[in-house]
Amino acid sequence: MNQPAASSTTVATIRDLRHLERGFTLTEMLVAMALAVTLTSLAAPSVAEFMASMQLSSASSNLLASLHLARYEAIKRNGRVVLCKTSDGTRCADSGGWEQGWMVFHDVNNNSLREETEPIIQHQIALSGSLRMTGNTPVSRYISYGSMGGAQLVSGAFQAGTLTVCRVLASGDARQIIVNAAGRPRMQKTVIPSCE
């Protein structure tokens, strides 16, 4: 008589084990994977756009910070301080864009060119190859601050201009750094037709 009770317990245990061992069917796994791939493909472009926008903002912010530093150092040193584009970190470049890098230096002889004896205050290495940074004519080669904190050309005339940071061969989102006649730089978002 004890035998039937044992078999009913065994049958109940087997049913519980079967319930616990149940996994995903092949069809369920394929549907889940298809959903994951679809969601990932939808999110990838927005993530790529976000990263490109962050890279653009970061490069622009670095240049803006260098301009603030140059202005501050000119006032502090009571002398001309220049921010110029450079590819090697020691000499100002006459050609190419600002994306090749830039440096801030104390321009003791007021010629906007760094001599070996003039101290480098800051050096920024080249930007990512996907970015372009150009300045309009007044700020295409250098930006120079006098002892009163105003931006001045070597001739003594005030210097104002706009630097544009954009993604190479892309249209749309860009950043502009505008230096006004008083030498104060500011950054703004803009949209451009193309970045060449």
N, C-alpha and C. Protein backbone atom coordinates (compact mmCIF):
# COMPACT_ATOMS: atom_id res chain seq x y z
N MET A 1 0.79 -1.19 0.00
CA MET A 1 0.00 0.00 0.00
C MET A 1 0.84 1.27 0.00
N ASN A 2 2.00 1.16 0.52
CA ASN A 2 2.88 2.32 0.51
C ASN A 2 3.40 2.64 -0.90
N GLN A 3 3.34 1.69 -1.74
CA GLN A 3 3.87 1.84 -3.09
C GLN A 3 3.16 2.92 -3.88
N PRO A 4 1.84 3.02 -3.92
CA PRO A 4 1.18 4.04 -4.72
C PRO A 4 1.53 5.44 -4.26
N ALA A 5 1.70 5.68 -2.98
CA ALA A 5 2.04 7.03 -2.49
C ALA A 5 3.39 7.45 -3.03
N ALA A 6 4.34 6.54 -3.08
CA ALA A 6 5.68 6.86 -3.58
C ALA A 6 5.63 7.18 -5.05
N SER A 7 4.84 6.49 -5.83
CA SER A 7 4.79 6.74 -7.26
C SER A 7 4.10 8.06 -7.56
N SER A 8 3.10 8.47 -6.78
CA SER A 8 2.45 9.76 -7.02
C SER A 8 3.41 10.90 -6.70
N THR A 9 4.28 10.75 -5.72
CA THR A 9 5.28 11.76 -5.39
C THR A 9 6.31 11.84 -6.51
N THR A 10 6.69 10.69 -7.05
CA THR A 10 7.65 10.64 -8.14
C THR A 10 7.09 11.31 -9.38
N VAL A 11 5.84 11.07 -9.71
CA VAL A 11 5.20 11.68 -10.88
C VAL A 11 5.14 13.19 -10.70
N ALA A 12 4.79 13.67 -9.51
CA ALA A 12 4.73 15.11 -9.25
C ALA A 12 6.11 15.73 -9.36
N THR A 13 7.15 15.07 -8.90
CA THR A 13 8.53 15.57 -8.98
C THR A 13 8.98 15.65 -10.42
N ILE A 14 8.65 14.66 -11.22
CA ILE A 14 9.02 14.66 -12.64
C ILE A 14 8.34 15.81 -13.35
N ARG A 15 7.05 16.05 -13.05
CA ARG A 15 6.36 17.18 -13.67
C ARG A 15 7.03 18.50 -13.30
N ASP A 16 7.42 18.69 -12.04
CA ASP A 16 8.09 19.91 -11.60
C ASP A 16 9.43 20.09 -12.31
N LEU A 17 10.19 19.01 -12.46
CA LEU A 17 11.49 19.08 -13.13
C LEU A 17 11.31 19.45 -14.61
N ARG A 18 10.29 18.88 -15.25
CA ARG A 18 10.04 19.22 -16.64
C ARG A 18 9.71 20.70 -16.77
N HIS A 19 8.97 21.22 -15.84
CA HIS A 19 8.60 22.64 -15.85
C HIS A 19 9.83 23.51 -15.66
N LEU A 20 10.74 23.10 -14.80
CA LEU A 20 11.96 23.87 -14.55
C LEU A 20 12.95 23.77 -15.70
N GLU A 21 12.99 22.66 -16.40
CA GLU A 21 13.94 22.46 -17.48
C GLU A 21 13.51 23.12 -18.78
N ARG A 22 12.34 23.60 -18.86
CA ARG A 22 11.82 24.22 -20.08
C ARG A 22 12.64 25.47 -20.39
N GLY A 23 13.17 25.61 -21.61
CA GLY A 23 13.96 26.77 -22.03
C GLY A 23 13.27 27.47 -23.18
N PHE A 24 14.06 28.16 -23.97
CA PHE A 24 13.53 28.86 -25.14
C PHE A 24 13.54 27.92 -26.33
N THR A 25 12.54 28.05 -27.14
CA THR A 25 12.54 27.30 -28.38
C THR A 25 13.42 28.05 -29.38
N LEU A 26 13.79 27.39 -30.42
CA LEU A 26 14.61 28.01 -31.47
C LEU A 26 13.88 29.21 -32.07
N THR A 27 12.60 29.10 -32.25
CA THR A 27 11.81 30.20 -32.82
C THR A 27 11.83 31.40 -31.89
N GLU A 28 11.66 31.17 -30.60
CA GLU A 28 11.69 32.28 -29.63
C GLU A 28 13.05 32.97 -29.63
N MET A 29 14.12 32.21 -29.70
CA MET A 29 15.46 32.80 -29.73
C MET A 29 15.68 33.63 -30.98
N LEU A 30 15.23 33.14 -32.14
CA LEU A 30 15.39 33.87 -33.40
C LEU A 30 14.60 35.18 -33.38
N VAL A 31 13.40 35.14 -32.83
CA VAL A 31 12.59 36.36 -32.73
C VAL A 31 13.28 37.37 -31.81
N ALA A 32 13.80 36.92 -30.69
CA ALA A 32 14.49 37.81 -29.76
C ALA A 32 15.74 38.42 -30.40
N MET A 33 16.48 37.60 -31.13
CA MET A 33 17.68 38.11 -31.81
C MET A 33 17.32 39.10 -32.90
N ALA A 34 16.26 38.84 -33.64
CA ALA A 34 15.82 39.77 -34.69
C ALA A 34 15.41 41.11 -34.09
N LEU A 35 14.72 41.07 -32.96
CA LEU A 35 14.34 42.32 -32.28
C LEU A 35 15.58 43.08 -31.79
N ALA A 36 16.54 42.37 -31.24
CA ALA A 36 17.77 43.02 -30.75
C ALA A 36 18.54 43.67 -31.90
N VAL A 37 18.65 42.99 -33.01
CA VAL A 37 19.35 43.54 -34.19
C VAL A 37 18.61 44.76 -34.71
N THR A 38 17.31 44.71 -34.78
CA THR A 38 16.51 45.84 -35.26
C THR A 38 16.68 47.06 -34.35
N LEU A 39 16.58 46.85 -33.05
CA LEU A 39 16.74 47.96 -32.11
C LEU A 39 18.15 48.54 -32.16
N THR A 40 19.15 47.69 -32.30
CA THR A 40 20.54 48.16 -32.40
C THR A 40 20.75 48.97 -33.66
N SER A 41 20.19 48.51 -34.77
CA SER A 41 20.38 49.24 -36.03
C SER A 41 19.66 50.58 -36.00
N LEU A 42 18.57 50.68 -35.27
CA LEU A 42 17.88 51.97 -35.13
C LEU A 42 18.66 52.92 -34.22
N ALA A 43 19.31 52.39 -33.21
CA ALA A 43 20.04 53.23 -32.26
C ALA A 43 21.41 53.64 -32.76
N ALA A 44 22.03 52.85 -33.64
CA ALA A 44 23.40 53.14 -34.09
C ALA A 44 23.57 54.51 -34.74
N PRO A 45 22.71 54.93 -35.67
CA PRO A 45 22.91 56.26 -36.26
C PRO A 45 22.80 57.38 -35.23
N SER A 46 21.88 57.28 -34.29
CA SER A 46 21.74 58.35 -33.31
C SER A 46 22.95 58.37 -32.36
N VAL A 47 23.50 57.22 -32.05
CA VAL A 47 24.71 57.17 -31.22
C VAL A 47 25.89 57.77 -31.98
N ALA A 48 26.01 57.45 -33.27
CA ALA A 48 27.09 58.00 -34.09
C ALA A 48 26.96 59.51 -34.21
N GLU A 49 25.74 60.00 -34.38
CA GLU A 49 25.51 61.45 -34.46
C GLU A 49 25.86 62.12 -33.13
N PHE A 50 25.48 61.48 -32.04
CA PHE A 50 25.79 62.03 -30.71
C PHE A 50 27.29 62.12 -30.50
N MET A 51 28.02 61.06 -30.88
CA MET A 51 29.47 61.06 -30.71
C MET A 51 30.12 62.14 -31.58
N ALA A 52 29.66 62.30 -32.82
CA ALA A 52 30.20 63.33 -33.71
C ALA A 52 29.93 64.72 -33.15
N SER A 53 28.76 64.92 -32.60
CA SER A 53 28.41 66.21 -32.01
C SER A 53 29.29 66.49 -30.78
N MET A 54 29.54 65.48 -29.98
CA MET A 54 30.40 65.65 -28.80
C MET A 54 31.83 65.97 -29.22
N GLN A 55 32.32 65.33 -30.27
CA GLN A 55 33.67 65.59 -30.77
C GLN A 55 33.77 67.04 -31.27
N LEU A 56 32.76 67.50 -31.96
CA LEU A 56 32.71 68.88 -32.45
C LEU A 56 32.70 69.87 -31.29
N SER A 57 31.87 69.61 -30.30
CA SER A 57 31.79 70.49 -29.13
C SER A 57 33.09 70.50 -28.33
N SER A 58 33.71 69.34 -28.20
CA SER A 58 34.96 69.24 -27.45
C SER A 58 36.07 70.05 -28.11
N ALA A 59 36.22 69.90 -29.43
CA ALA A 59 37.27 70.65 -30.15
C ALA A 59 37.03 72.15 -30.05
N SER A 60 35.76 72.56 -30.20
CA SER A 60 35.42 73.98 -30.11
C SER A 60 35.69 74.52 -28.71
N SER A 61 35.32 73.75 -27.71
CA SER A 61 35.54 74.17 -26.32
C SER A 61 37.03 74.31 -26.00
N ASN A 62 37.85 73.40 -26.56
CA ASN A 62 39.29 73.50 -26.34
C ASN A 62 39.86 74.78 -26.93
N LEU A 63 39.43 75.14 -28.14
CA LEU A 63 39.91 76.38 -28.75
C LEU A 63 39.40 77.59 -27.98
N LEU A 64 38.17 77.56 -27.56
CA LEU A 64 37.61 78.67 -26.78
C LEU A 64 38.39 78.84 -25.48
N ALA A 65 38.72 77.75 -24.82
CA ALA A 65 39.50 77.81 -23.57
C ALA A 65 40.90 78.39 -23.83
N SER A 66 41.50 78.03 -24.97
CA SER A 66 42.82 78.58 -25.31
C SER A 66 42.75 80.08 -25.56
N LEU A 67 41.67 80.54 -26.18
CA LEU A 67 41.49 81.97 -26.39
C LEU A 67 41.34 82.72 -25.07
N HIS A 68 40.56 82.16 -24.16
CA HIS A 68 40.42 82.77 -22.83
C HIS A 68 41.77 82.81 -22.10
N LEU A 69 42.52 81.72 -22.23
CA LEU A 69 43.84 81.67 -21.60
C LEU A 69 44.77 82.74 -22.19
N ALA A 70 44.80 82.86 -23.51
CA ALA A 70 45.66 83.86 -24.15
C ALA A 70 45.30 85.27 -23.69
N ARG A 71 44.03 85.55 -23.62
CA ARG A 71 43.58 86.89 -23.18
C ARG A 71 43.99 87.15 -21.73
N TYR A 72 43.77 86.17 -20.88
CA TYR A 72 44.14 86.29 -19.47
C TYR A 72 45.65 86.50 -19.31
N GLU A 73 46.44 85.69 -20.03
CA GLU A 73 47.90 85.80 -19.92
C GLU A 73 48.42 87.14 -20.43
N ALA A 74 47.79 87.70 -21.47
CA ALA A 74 48.21 89.01 -21.97
C ALA A 74 48.01 90.08 -20.91
N ILE A 75 46.89 90.01 -20.22
CA ILE A 75 46.62 90.98 -19.15
C ILE A 75 47.58 90.75 -17.99
N LYS A 76 47.75 89.51 -17.60
CA LYS A 76 48.62 89.17 -16.47
C LYS A 76 50.08 89.56 -16.73
N ARG A 77 50.56 89.30 -17.95
CA ARG A 77 51.96 89.57 -18.29
C ARG A 77 52.19 91.02 -18.74
N ASN A 78 51.09 91.75 -18.92
CA ASN A 78 51.17 93.13 -19.40
C ASN A 78 51.94 93.20 -20.72
N GLY A 79 51.65 92.26 -21.61
CA GLY A 79 52.32 92.20 -22.90
C GLY A 79 51.54 91.33 -23.87
N ARG A 80 51.95 91.34 -25.11
CA ARG A 80 51.24 90.61 -26.15
C ARG A 80 51.37 89.09 -25.97
N VAL A 81 50.23 88.41 -26.11
CA VAL A 81 50.20 86.94 -26.11
C VAL A 81 49.44 86.51 -27.36
N VAL A 82 50.00 85.55 -28.07
CA VAL A 82 49.45 85.13 -29.35
C VAL A 82 49.01 83.67 -29.30
N LEU A 83 47.90 83.41 -29.97
CA LEU A 83 47.46 82.04 -30.23
C LEU A 83 47.59 81.87 -31.74
N CYS A 84 48.40 80.90 -32.17
CA CYS A 84 48.59 80.67 -33.61
C CYS A 84 48.48 79.18 -33.90
N LYS A 85 48.18 78.87 -35.15
CA LYS A 85 48.11 77.47 -35.57
C LYS A 85 49.54 76.96 -35.75
N THR A 86 49.74 75.70 -35.40
CA THR A 86 51.07 75.10 -35.50
C THR A 86 50.96 73.61 -35.72
N SER A 87 51.84 73.07 -36.52
CA SER A 87 51.84 71.62 -36.73
C SER A 87 52.90 70.94 -35.87
N ASP A 88 53.94 71.68 -35.46
CA ASP A 88 55.03 71.07 -34.70
C ASP A 88 55.10 71.53 -33.24
N GLY A 89 54.28 72.48 -32.86
CA GLY A 89 54.25 72.93 -31.47
C GLY A 89 55.35 73.91 -31.11
N THR A 90 56.15 74.34 -32.09
CA THR A 90 57.22 75.30 -31.80
C THR A 90 57.20 76.53 -32.69
N ARG A 91 56.67 76.39 -33.91
CA ARG A 91 56.61 77.51 -34.86
C ARG A 91 55.18 77.71 -35.33
N CYS A 92 54.81 78.96 -35.59
CA CYS A 92 53.49 79.26 -36.15
C CYS A 92 53.46 78.84 -37.62
N ALA A 93 52.35 78.26 -38.04
CA ALA A 93 52.20 77.80 -39.43
C ALA A 93 51.55 78.88 -40.27
N ASP A 94 52.03 79.04 -41.50
CA ASP A 94 51.45 80.00 -42.43
C ASP A 94 50.33 79.39 -43.25
N SER A 95 50.34 78.09 -43.39
CA SER A 95 49.34 77.43 -44.23
C SER A 95 48.59 76.37 -43.42
N GLY A 96 47.54 75.85 -44.04
CA GLY A 96 46.75 74.81 -43.36
C GLY A 96 45.73 75.43 -42.42
N GLY A 97 44.90 74.56 -41.86
CA GLY A 97 43.85 75.01 -40.96
C GLY A 97 44.25 74.88 -39.50
N TRP A 98 43.38 75.36 -38.65
CA TRP A 98 43.60 75.31 -37.21
C TRP A 98 43.53 73.88 -36.67
N GLU A 99 42.98 72.96 -37.46
CA GLU A 99 42.88 71.57 -37.00
C GLU A 99 44.24 70.90 -36.82
N GLN A 100 45.30 71.49 -37.40
CA GLN A 100 46.64 70.92 -37.25
C GLN A 100 47.20 71.13 -35.84
N GLY A 101 46.51 71.91 -35.03
CA GLY A 101 46.93 72.20 -33.67
C GLY A 101 47.22 73.68 -33.51
N TRP A 102 47.40 74.10 -32.28
CA TRP A 102 47.70 75.51 -32.02
C TRP A 102 48.51 75.64 -30.75
N MET A 103 49.07 76.84 -30.57
CA MET A 103 49.83 77.11 -29.34
C MET A 103 49.57 78.54 -28.90
N VAL A 104 49.75 78.75 -27.62
CA VAL A 104 49.66 80.08 -27.00
C VAL A 104 51.06 80.40 -26.52
N PHE A 105 51.57 81.59 -26.90
CA PHE A 105 52.91 81.98 -26.46
C PHE A 105 52.98 83.47 -26.16
N HIS A 106 53.96 83.84 -25.35
CA HIS A 106 54.20 85.24 -25.01
C HIS A 106 55.04 85.85 -26.13
N ASP A 107 54.44 86.78 -26.87
CA ASP A 107 55.07 87.39 -28.04
C ASP A 107 55.83 88.65 -27.60
N VAL A 108 57.03 88.45 -27.11
CA VAL A 108 57.82 89.54 -26.52
C VAL A 108 58.12 90.63 -27.55
N ASN A 109 58.43 90.27 -28.79
CA ASN A 109 58.80 91.27 -29.80
C ASN A 109 57.63 91.73 -30.66
N ASN A 110 56.40 91.36 -30.33
CA ASN A 110 55.18 91.84 -30.99
C ASN A 110 55.12 91.62 -32.50
N ASN A 111 55.57 90.46 -32.97
CA ASN A 111 55.53 90.22 -34.42
C ASN A 111 54.59 89.06 -34.79
N SER A 112 53.94 88.47 -33.85
CA SER A 112 53.00 87.34 -34.00
C SER A 112 53.66 86.05 -34.48
N LEU A 113 54.98 86.01 -34.47
CA LEU A 113 55.74 84.80 -34.81
C LEU A 113 56.55 84.39 -33.59
N ARG A 114 56.54 83.13 -33.27
CA ARG A 114 57.27 82.70 -32.07
C ARG A 114 58.75 82.54 -32.36
N GLU A 115 59.57 83.23 -31.54
CA GLU A 115 61.02 83.08 -31.58
C GLU A 115 61.40 82.01 -30.55
N GLU A 116 62.58 81.45 -30.67
CA GLU A 116 63.00 80.38 -29.75
C GLU A 116 63.02 80.81 -28.30
N THR A 117 63.25 82.09 -28.04
CA THR A 117 63.34 82.55 -26.65
C THR A 117 61.99 82.91 -26.05
N GLU A 118 60.93 82.91 -26.86
CA GLU A 118 59.61 83.28 -26.35
C GLU A 118 58.91 82.05 -25.77
N PRO A 119 58.46 82.16 -24.52
CA PRO A 119 57.90 80.98 -23.83
C PRO A 119 56.54 80.54 -24.38
N ILE A 120 56.40 79.22 -24.51
CA ILE A 120 55.12 78.62 -24.90
C ILE A 120 54.30 78.42 -23.63
N ILE A 121 53.10 78.94 -23.65
CA ILE A 121 52.21 78.84 -22.49
C ILE A 121 51.36 77.58 -22.58
N GLN A 122 50.92 77.25 -23.79
CA GLN A 122 50.08 76.07 -24.00
C GLN A 122 50.26 75.57 -25.43
N HIS A 123 50.17 74.25 -25.60
CA HIS A 123 50.21 73.65 -26.94
C HIS A 123 49.08 72.64 -27.05
N GLN A 124 48.29 72.76 -28.10
CA GLN A 124 47.20 71.82 -28.38
C GLN A 124 47.58 70.98 -29.59
N ILE A 125 47.56 69.68 -29.45
CA ILE A 125 47.92 68.80 -30.56
C ILE A 125 46.83 68.80 -31.63
N ALA A 126 47.12 68.19 -32.77
CA ALA A 126 46.19 68.15 -33.90
C ALA A 126 44.87 67.50 -33.51
N LEU A 127 43.81 67.96 -34.15
CA LEU A 127 42.48 67.41 -33.93
C LEU A 127 42.29 66.14 -34.74
N SER A 128 41.23 65.45 -34.47
CA SER A 128 40.87 64.25 -35.23
C SER A 128 40.79 64.59 -36.71
N GLY A 129 41.19 63.65 -37.55
CA GLY A 129 41.18 63.85 -39.00
C GLY A 129 39.80 64.11 -39.58
N SER A 130 38.75 63.88 -38.82
CA SER A 130 37.40 64.10 -39.33
C SER A 130 36.91 65.52 -39.11
N LEU A 131 37.72 66.37 -38.46
CA LEU A 131 37.31 67.74 -38.18
C LEU A 131 38.12 68.75 -38.98
N ARG A 132 37.47 69.83 -39.33
CA ARG A 132 38.12 70.95 -40.01
C ARG A 132 37.84 72.20 -39.19
N MET A 133 38.87 73.05 -39.05
CA MET A 133 38.74 74.28 -38.28
C MET A 133 39.39 75.40 -39.08
N THR A 134 38.57 76.35 -39.54
CA THR A 134 39.09 77.44 -40.36
C THR A 134 38.67 78.78 -39.79
N GLY A 135 39.48 79.78 -40.06
CA GLY A 135 39.17 81.14 -39.64
C GLY A 135 39.01 82.05 -40.84
N ASN A 136 38.14 83.07 -40.71
CA ASN A 136 38.05 84.03 -41.79
C ASN A 136 39.33 84.88 -41.79
N THR A 137 39.50 85.77 -42.75
CA THR A 137 40.77 86.45 -42.98
C THR A 137 41.41 87.06 -41.73
N PRO A 138 40.71 87.81 -40.90
CA PRO A 138 41.39 88.41 -39.74
C PRO A 138 41.98 87.39 -38.74
N VAL A 139 41.41 86.19 -38.70
CA VAL A 139 41.87 85.20 -37.73
C VAL A 139 42.32 83.90 -38.41
N SER A 140 42.72 83.99 -39.66
CA SER A 140 43.11 82.78 -40.39
C SER A 140 44.48 82.25 -39.95
N ARG A 141 45.39 83.12 -39.47
CA ARG A 141 46.73 82.68 -39.08
C ARG A 141 46.98 82.74 -37.57
N TYR A 142 46.52 83.80 -36.95
CA TYR A 142 46.79 83.98 -35.51
C TYR A 142 45.72 84.88 -34.90
N ILE A 143 45.67 84.85 -33.57
CA ILE A 143 44.85 85.78 -32.79
C ILE A 143 45.77 86.31 -31.70
N SER A 144 45.87 87.61 -31.62
CA SER A 144 46.84 88.23 -30.73
C SER A 144 46.14 89.16 -29.73
N TYR A 145 46.51 89.02 -28.47
CA TYR A 145 45.92 89.85 -27.42
C TYR A 145 46.96 90.82 -26.87
N GLY A 146 46.55 92.08 -26.72
CA GLY A 146 47.42 93.09 -26.12
C GLY A 146 47.26 93.10 -24.61
N SER A 147 48.03 93.94 -23.97
CA SER A 147 48.08 93.98 -22.50
C SER A 147 46.76 94.40 -21.86
N MET A 148 45.87 95.04 -22.61
CA MET A 148 44.57 95.45 -22.07
C MET A 148 43.49 94.38 -22.32
N GLY A 149 43.86 93.28 -22.97
CA GLY A 149 42.91 92.19 -23.21
C GLY A 149 42.15 92.28 -24.51
N GLY A 150 42.48 93.28 -25.34
CA GLY A 150 41.83 93.40 -26.64
C GLY A 150 42.59 92.61 -27.70
N ALA A 151 41.88 92.08 -28.67
CA ALA A 151 42.53 91.37 -29.78
C ALA A 151 43.06 92.40 -30.76
N GLN A 152 44.34 92.28 -31.13
CA GLN A 152 44.99 93.27 -32.00
C GLN A 152 45.84 92.58 -33.05
N LEU A 153 45.78 93.11 -34.25
CA LEU A 153 46.70 92.68 -35.29
C LEU A 153 48.09 93.26 -34.98
N VAL A 154 49.10 92.78 -35.64
CA VAL A 154 50.46 93.28 -35.44
C VAL A 154 50.51 94.79 -35.73
N SER A 155 49.70 95.25 -36.68
CA SER A 155 49.66 96.67 -37.03
C SER A 155 49.07 97.53 -35.92
N GLY A 156 48.43 96.91 -34.94
CA GLY A 156 47.79 97.65 -33.85
C GLY A 156 46.30 97.80 -34.03
N ALA A 157 45.78 97.48 -35.22
CA ALA A 157 44.34 97.54 -35.47
C ALA A 157 43.63 96.44 -34.69
N PHE A 158 42.36 96.70 -34.33
CA PHE A 158 41.64 95.67 -33.60
C PHE A 158 41.43 94.45 -34.48
N GLN A 159 41.33 93.30 -33.86
CA GLN A 159 41.21 92.03 -34.57
C GLN A 159 39.92 91.35 -34.14
N ALA A 160 39.04 91.14 -35.08
CA ALA A 160 37.79 90.42 -34.81
C ALA A 160 37.57 89.43 -35.94
N GLY A 161 36.99 88.31 -35.64
CA GLY A 161 36.77 87.32 -36.70
C GLY A 161 36.03 86.10 -36.18
N THR A 162 35.85 85.15 -37.07
CA THR A 162 35.10 83.94 -36.76
C THR A 162 35.87 82.70 -37.18
N LEU A 163 35.97 81.75 -36.26
CA LEU A 163 36.55 80.43 -36.54
C LEU A 163 35.40 79.44 -36.61
N THR A 164 35.41 78.60 -37.63
CA THR A 164 34.34 77.62 -37.81
C THR A 164 34.91 76.21 -37.66
N VAL A 165 34.25 75.41 -36.85
CA VAL A 165 34.65 74.02 -36.62
C VAL A 165 33.53 73.14 -37.18
N CYS A 166 33.90 72.22 -38.09
CA CYS A 166 32.89 71.36 -38.72
C CYS A 166 33.49 70.00 -39.04
N ARG A 167 32.61 69.07 -39.45
CA ARG A 167 33.05 67.73 -39.84
C ARG A 167 33.36 67.73 -41.33
N VAL A 168 34.51 67.19 -41.70
CA VAL A 168 34.98 67.19 -43.08
C VAL A 168 33.95 66.55 -44.01
N LEU A 169 33.68 67.22 -45.12
CA LEU A 169 32.77 66.76 -46.16
C LEU A 169 31.37 66.46 -45.64
N ALA A 170 30.97 67.15 -44.61
CA ALA A 170 29.62 66.95 -44.06
C ALA A 170 28.90 68.30 -44.06
N SER A 171 27.60 68.23 -44.08
CA SER A 171 26.82 69.45 -43.96
C SER A 171 26.08 69.40 -42.64
N GLY A 172 25.55 70.53 -42.25
CA GLY A 172 24.75 70.55 -41.04
C GLY A 172 25.45 71.16 -39.86
N ASP A 173 25.42 70.44 -38.76
CA ASP A 173 25.88 70.92 -37.47
C ASP A 173 27.34 71.38 -37.49
N ALA A 174 27.59 72.58 -36.96
CA ALA A 174 28.95 73.13 -36.85
C ALA A 174 28.98 74.06 -35.65
N ARG A 175 30.17 74.48 -35.28
CA ARG A 175 30.34 75.44 -34.19
C ARG A 175 31.15 76.62 -34.72
N GLN A 176 30.81 77.81 -34.24
CA GLN A 176 31.57 79.00 -34.58
C GLN A 176 32.07 79.64 -33.30
N ILE A 177 33.33 80.05 -33.34
CA ILE A 177 33.90 80.81 -32.24
C ILE A 177 34.11 82.22 -32.77
N ILE A 178 33.43 83.16 -32.16
CA ILE A 178 33.44 84.54 -32.63
C ILE A 178 34.25 85.37 -31.65
N VAL A 179 35.26 86.07 -32.18
CA VAL A 179 36.08 86.99 -31.37
C VAL A 179 35.60 88.39 -31.73
N ASN A 180 35.07 89.13 -30.75
CA ASN A 180 34.57 90.47 -31.06
C ASN A 180 35.69 91.51 -30.99
N ALA A 181 35.36 92.75 -31.28
CA ALA A 181 36.37 93.82 -31.34
C ALA A 181 37.06 94.04 -30.01
N ALA A 182 36.40 93.71 -28.90
CA ALA A 182 37.01 93.86 -27.58
C ALA A 182 37.90 92.66 -27.24
N GLY A 183 37.90 91.64 -28.09
CA GLY A 183 38.72 90.45 -27.86
C GLY A 183 38.02 89.33 -27.13
N ARG A 184 36.75 89.53 -26.80
CA ARG A 184 36.02 88.49 -26.07
C ARG A 184 35.55 87.39 -27.03
N PRO A 185 35.94 86.15 -26.76
CA PRO A 185 35.48 85.05 -27.61
C PRO A 185 34.20 84.42 -27.06
N ARG A 186 33.37 83.95 -27.96
CA ARG A 186 32.16 83.21 -27.56
C ARG A 186 31.90 82.13 -28.61
N MET A 187 31.17 81.10 -28.20
CA MET A 187 30.89 80.00 -29.10
C MET A 187 29.40 79.92 -29.37
N GLN A 188 29.05 79.57 -30.60
CA GLN A 188 27.64 79.36 -30.94
C GLN A 188 27.51 78.19 -31.89
N LYS A 189 26.35 77.52 -31.81
CA LYS A 189 26.04 76.45 -32.76
C LYS A 189 25.55 77.09 -34.04
N THR A 190 25.82 76.44 -35.15
CA THR A 190 25.36 76.92 -36.44
C THR A 190 25.13 75.75 -37.38
N VAL A 191 24.51 76.02 -38.50
CA VAL A 191 24.30 75.01 -39.54
C VAL A 191 24.98 75.54 -40.81
N ILE A 192 25.77 74.70 -41.44
CA ILE A 192 26.48 75.12 -42.66
C ILE A 192 26.11 74.20 -43.82
N PRO A 193 26.17 74.72 -45.06
CA PRO A 193 25.82 73.87 -46.21
C PRO A 193 26.85 72.78 -46.48
N SER A 194 28.14 73.07 -46.24
CA SER A 194 29.18 72.06 -46.43
C SER A 194 30.44 72.45 -45.67
N CYS A 195 31.27 71.47 -45.37
CA CYS A 195 32.53 71.69 -44.66
C CYS A 195 33.65 71.26 -45.58
N GLU A 196 34.37 72.20 -46.13
CA GLU A 196 35.43 71.88 -47.09
C GLU A 196 36.79 72.18 -46.51
